[in-house]
């Protein structure tokens, strides 16, 4: 198995399933959960935008025939808002024109009903692999290097010993320097399932990483964003002395 596949499997995959038929929704959600996905269900299209803004998802599985707002209208709103989440459309209307319209509106894939949940799971994983692209073996920000192949971190030229959880959290932050990650997002990415939102496991893990790779919180490469979460920034260079 390649490193890209390993990386995708290591992280929790959270899916938002929008399907108004309770039987189909329940069966699909149960099948995806059996394949290792975390699934939230919605019966209507009207709540999709707020749900996508409230939680972090890796894929949206969207039925076209919804009773309140059509799936295509929901998809257009999502793309107009700049939300680039992968989308798989589900529908009993399997004509070529419908498939092309869905893809033109920004869908990543299209699955006609009835379908096998195994195929849906495979398509979600295939979309994520395509979007992820080749996995970079090393992440480098300033003098901190994270080597995914060796599972090793070097800070200031010295090898730093991190636990698996610490390594995964640092990797999550270093993938997008300067991006602010909420504690909820980090929990989903690193721990792989939902914790009590009041838990402090993220803060404790960050403190352990800080003690190992930098001087202290004031000069830390992991910046605390009050009331939100954390962001990775380039470590500050040592101050130069006069006439140096």
Protein backbone atom coordinates (compact mmCIF):
# COMPACT_ATOMS: atom_id res chain seq x y z
CA UNK A 1 0.00 0.00 0.00
CA UNK A 2 1.36 3.44 -0.98
CA UNK A 3 1.98 6.26 1.45
CA UNK A 4 -0.97 8.29 0.09
CA UNK A 5 -3.37 5.46 0.88
CA UNK A 6 -1.87 5.01 4.34
CA UNK A 7 -2.19 8.73 5.04
CA UNK A 8 -5.84 8.80 3.96
CA UNK A 9 -6.69 5.77 6.07
CA UNK A 10 -4.96 7.13 9.15
CA UNK A 11 -7.18 10.19 9.29
CA UNK A 12 -10.85 10.03 10.21
CA UNK A 13 -13.16 10.44 7.21
CA UNK A 14 -16.32 12.30 8.16
CA UNK A 15 -19.19 12.22 5.67
CA UNK A 16 -22.38 14.28 5.56
CA UNK A 17 -25.20 12.18 4.07
CA UNK A 18 -28.25 14.10 2.79
CA UNK A 19 -31.08 11.69 2.01
CA UNK A 20 -34.80 12.14 2.75
CA UNK A 21 -35.76 8.46 2.64
CA UNK A 22 -35.16 7.28 6.23
CA UNK A 23 -34.67 3.65 5.22
CA UNK A 24 -32.08 4.41 2.54
CA UNK A 25 -30.35 6.92 4.80
CA UNK A 26 -30.11 4.46 7.70
CA UNK A 27 -28.84 1.61 5.52
CA UNK A 28 -26.30 3.82 3.74
CA UNK A 29 -25.04 5.36 6.98
CA UNK A 30 -24.69 1.96 8.61
CA UNK A 31 -22.80 0.58 5.60
CA UNK A 32 -20.40 3.53 5.47
CA UNK A 33 -19.75 3.23 9.21
CA UNK A 34 -18.88 -0.44 8.69
CA UNK A 35 -16.27 0.75 6.18
CA UNK A 36 -14.69 3.06 8.75
CA UNK A 37 -16.45 6.35 7.96
CA UNK A 38 -18.07 8.71 10.46
CA UNK A 39 -21.49 9.72 9.14
CA UNK A 40 -23.88 12.53 10.00
CA UNK A 41 -27.35 12.37 8.41
CA UNK A 42 -29.65 15.14 7.18
CA UNK A 43 -33.12 14.58 5.67
CA UNK A 44 -33.44 17.98 3.95
CA UNK A 45 -31.30 20.19 1.76
CA UNK A 46 -32.08 23.38 3.65
CA UNK A 47 -29.72 22.57 6.51
CA UNK A 48 -26.69 21.59 4.43
CA UNK A 49 -24.94 24.97 4.33
CA UNK A 50 -25.17 25.55 8.07
CA UNK A 51 -24.07 21.98 8.78
CA UNK A 52 -21.00 22.34 6.53
CA UNK A 53 -20.09 25.54 8.34
CA UNK A 54 -20.61 24.01 11.78
CA UNK A 55 -18.49 20.87 11.30
CA UNK A 56 -15.57 19.65 9.21
CA UNK A 57 -16.45 17.05 6.56
CA UNK A 58 -14.35 15.27 3.95
CA UNK A 59 -17.24 14.39 1.64
CA UNK A 60 -20.88 15.27 1.00
CA UNK A 61 -23.18 12.51 -0.28
CA UNK A 62 -26.17 14.37 -1.68
CA UNK A 63 -29.49 13.01 -2.97
CA UNK A 64 -30.88 14.99 -5.91
CA UNK A 65 -34.57 14.43 -5.16
CA UNK A 66 -35.06 16.21 -1.84
CA UNK A 67 -38.52 17.44 -0.73
CA UNK A 68 -37.54 21.00 0.18
CA UNK A 69 -34.61 22.11 -1.99
CA UNK A 70 -33.38 20.10 -4.98
CA UNK A 71 -29.93 18.59 -4.72
CA UNK A 72 -28.64 20.57 -7.70
CA UNK A 73 -29.74 23.84 -6.08
CA UNK A 74 -27.93 22.82 -2.89
CA UNK A 75 -24.82 21.97 -4.89
CA UNK A 76 -24.89 25.32 -6.71
CA UNK A 77 -25.13 27.17 -3.37
CA UNK A 78 -22.19 25.23 -1.99
CA UNK A 79 -19.96 25.97 -4.95
CA UNK A 80 -21.10 29.62 -5.12
CA UNK A 81 -20.01 29.97 -1.48
CA UNK A 82 -16.55 28.68 -2.39
CA UNK A 83 -16.92 25.42 -0.44
CA UNK A 84 -14.74 22.85 -2.20
CA UNK A 85 -15.88 19.74 -0.35
CA UNK A 86 -16.02 16.60 -2.56
CA UNK A 87 -19.61 15.80 -3.54
CA UNK A 88 -21.14 12.50 -4.65
CA UNK A 89 -24.66 12.78 -6.05
CA UNK A 90 -27.25 10.04 -5.48
CA UNK A 91 -30.39 9.75 -7.58
CA UNK A 92 -32.86 7.37 -9.16
CA UNK A 93 -32.74 9.54 -12.29
CA UNK A 94 -29.78 7.98 -14.05
CA UNK A 95 -30.09 9.52 -17.51
CA UNK A 96 -26.95 10.91 -19.15
CA UNK A 97 -28.29 14.48 -19.17
CA UNK A 98 -28.86 14.39 -15.40
CA UNK A 99 -25.36 13.06 -14.78
CA UNK A 100 -23.78 15.72 -16.98
CA UNK A 101 -25.80 18.50 -15.32
CA UNK A 102 -24.68 17.35 -11.89
CA UNK A 103 -21.02 17.22 -12.92
CA UNK A 104 -21.28 20.64 -14.59
CA UNK A 105 -22.64 22.07 -11.32
CA UNK A 106 -19.53 20.91 -9.48
CA UNK A 107 -20.18 17.33 -8.39
CA UNK A 108 -17.17 15.02 -8.22
CA UNK A 109 -19.07 11.81 -8.92
CA UNK A 110 -22.53 10.43 -9.56
CA UNK A 111 -24.12 7.19 -8.35
CA UNK A 112 -27.50 5.92 -9.52
CA UNK A 113 -29.99 4.16 -7.27
CA UNK A 114 -30.07 1.37 -6.30
CA UNK A 115 -26.37 1.17 -5.42
CA UNK A 116 -24.02 -0.90 -3.32
CA UNK A 117 -22.61 0.88 -0.28
CA UNK A 118 -19.26 -0.79 -1.02
CA UNK A 119 -19.13 1.09 -4.33
CA UNK A 120 -20.06 4.38 -2.65
CA UNK A 121 -17.27 3.91 -0.09
CA UNK A 122 -14.78 3.12 -2.87
CA UNK A 123 -15.80 6.20 -4.84
CA UNK A 124 -15.44 8.47 -1.80
CA UNK A 125 -11.92 7.14 -1.20
CA UNK A 126 -11.04 7.50 -4.89
CA UNK A 127 -12.17 11.15 -4.91
CA UNK A 128 -10.10 11.88 -1.81
CA UNK A 129 -7.01 10.29 -3.37
CA UNK A 130 -7.43 12.33 -6.55
CA UNK A 131 -7.87 15.57 -4.62
CA UNK A 132 -4.99 14.86 -2.25
CA UNK A 133 -2.57 14.27 -5.12
CA UNK A 134 0.91 12.91 -4.49
CA UNK A 135 1.81 12.89 -0.81
CA UNK A 136 4.90 14.98 -0.08
CA UNK A 137 7.38 12.92 1.92
CA UNK A 138 8.62 15.88 3.95
CA UNK A 139 7.01 19.00 5.39
CA UNK A 140 9.44 21.83 6.11
CA UNK A 141 8.62 25.10 7.87
CA UNK A 142 11.63 27.15 8.96
CA UNK A 143 14.07 24.81 10.69
CA UNK A 144 11.42 22.23 11.54
CA UNK A 145 11.25 19.20 9.24
CA UNK A 146 8.59 16.49 9.49
CA UNK A 147 9.52 13.31 7.58
CA UNK A 148 6.45 11.22 6.84
CA UNK A 149 8.38 8.20 5.60
CA UNK A 150 10.67 7.96 8.63
CA UNK A 151 7.96 9.24 11.00
CA UNK A 152 10.60 11.59 12.33
CA UNK A 153 10.77 15.28 13.28
CA UNK A 154 13.92 17.40 13.21
CA UNK A 155 13.89 20.79 14.95
CA UNK A 156 16.95 23.03 14.87
CA UNK A 157 19.03 20.19 13.45
CA UNK A 158 18.14 17.78 16.28
CA UNK A 159 15.89 14.73 16.10
CA UNK A 160 12.84 15.15 18.33
CA UNK A 161 11.07 12.11 19.74
CA UNK A 162 7.28 12.44 19.47
CA UNK A 163 4.51 10.01 20.27
CA UNK A 164 2.24 8.90 17.42
CA UNK A 165 -0.47 11.33 18.54
CA UNK A 166 1.98 14.23 18.84
CA UNK A 167 3.42 13.47 15.40
CA UNK A 168 -0.05 13.34 13.79
CA UNK A 169 -1.10 16.62 15.42
CA UNK A 170 2.07 18.37 14.28
CA UNK A 171 1.61 16.94 10.78
CA UNK A 172 -1.97 18.27 10.69
CA UNK A 173 -0.82 21.79 11.56
CA UNK A 174 2.26 21.82 9.31
CA UNK A 175 0.26 20.82 6.23
CA UNK A 176 -1.28 24.32 6.18
CA UNK A 177 1.00 26.85 7.92
CA UNK A 178 -0.84 29.99 9.08
CA UNK A 179 -4.23 28.26 8.80
CA UNK A 180 -6.23 28.30 12.03
CA UNK A 181 -7.42 24.83 13.08
CA UNK A 182 -10.24 24.62 15.58
CA UNK A 183 -9.94 22.14 18.44
CA UNK A 184 -12.90 20.23 16.98
CA UNK A 185 -11.17 19.91 13.61
CA UNK A 186 -7.97 18.70 15.27
CA UNK A 187 -9.92 16.14 17.31
CA UNK A 188 -11.54 14.79 14.16
CA UNK A 189 -8.27 14.68 12.24
CA UNK A 190 -5.93 13.34 14.89
CA UNK A 191 -8.04 11.36 17.33
CA UNK A 192 -10.38 10.08 14.65
CA UNK A 193 -13.70 10.47 16.45
CA UNK A 194 -15.74 12.98 18.39
CA UNK A 195 -14.64 13.75 21.93
CA UNK A 196 -16.52 15.72 24.52
CA UNK A 197 -16.07 19.30 23.23
CA UNK A 198 -14.95 20.36 26.70
CA UNK A 199 -12.02 17.94 26.70
CA UNK A 200 -8.52 19.41 26.93
CA UNK A 201 -6.65 16.58 25.17
CA UNK A 202 -5.67 18.87 22.27
CA UNK A 203 -4.24 21.52 24.60
CA UNK A 204 -2.30 18.93 26.58
CA UNK A 205 -0.85 17.40 23.42
CA UNK A 206 0.15 20.84 22.07
CA UNK A 207 1.93 21.65 25.34
CA UNK A 208 3.91 18.42 25.10
CA UNK A 209 4.95 19.21 21.52
CA UNK A 210 5.98 22.73 22.50
CA UNK A 211 8.22 21.47 25.27
CA UNK A 212 9.99 19.23 22.78
CA UNK A 213 10.45 21.50 19.76
CA UNK A 214 10.71 25.10 20.98
CA UNK A 215 11.47 27.41 23.88
CA UNK A 216 8.06 28.35 25.22
CA UNK A 217 4.60 29.56 24.28
CA UNK A 218 5.71 33.14 23.57
CA UNK A 219 8.16 31.98 20.88
CA UNK A 220 6.33 28.80 19.94
CA UNK A 221 5.81 27.76 16.33
CA UNK A 222 2.36 26.55 17.44
CA UNK A 223 0.36 29.70 18.04
CA UNK A 224 -2.68 29.72 20.33
CA UNK A 225 -5.73 31.43 18.83
CA UNK A 226 -7.80 32.40 21.85
CA UNK A 227 -11.23 30.78 21.90
CA UNK A 228 -10.64 28.99 18.58
CA UNK A 229 -7.67 26.65 18.36
CA UNK A 230 -4.15 26.61 16.99
CA UNK A 231 -2.07 27.66 14.00
CA UNK A 232 1.42 26.72 12.88
CA UNK A 233 3.79 29.56 12.06
CA UNK A 234 7.38 29.77 10.96
CA UNK A 235 9.65 29.77 14.03
CA UNK A 236 11.21 33.14 14.77
CA UNK A 237 14.85 33.48 13.87
CA UNK A 238 17.22 34.21 16.79
CA UNK A 239 17.74 37.94 17.35
CA UNK A 240 21.06 39.16 15.95
CA UNK A 241 23.50 41.10 18.08
CA UNK A 242 25.07 44.44 17.02
CA UNK A 243 28.15 44.20 14.77
CA UNK A 244 27.44 40.51 14.22
